[in-house]
Each structure stands twice: as structure tokens, then as C-alpha cells.
Amino acid sequence: MVKKLSLKIPTKLVHKPIVYELITQYKVKPNILEARLEGESTGKIILELEGTEDNMRKSIAYLRELSIEVSELK
């Protein structure tokens, strides 16, 4: 399963290794299509996430628990 997602990263999480955590904790494969992370401001990442349905659900829930705004793109 592959989903294209837009992530809006809060300022407090800009320096956190979020993509690494998705790979190691949830066994999903991210393909970063676009990223804007500038200094101490909020960031935005557009990525494709590939994995099992269960791992995708858990990884998106994890992102939302971190207060990351997740939107699915077509």
C-alpha cells in the first residue's frame, strides 16, 4: 500500500528525526518528494509512504500523536 501525505511539522519538532522513526519503529518506506524545514519555523514535508495497511495506520497515528498535521493527497 502506498499513500501520498502532506505533513505540517510544528516548530518544536523541526529538529526531531521523524522520518527515521517511521522507518525504524513502523517498518514503512518513505519517499520524500518535497521538504521545507527552515530554521526554527514550522516545516512541511510531502512524501509517499509505503507499507502494510496496519503499519501505515500506526505510523499516521504516531505522527498525529506528535501534533503533526497529516493530510492525505491524491
Foldseek 3Di string as FASTA:
>chain_A
DKFKKKKKAALVCLPPPLQVCLCVVLVKDKDWPDKDRDDRHIIMTIIMIDDDPVSVVVSVVVSVVNVIDMDTDD
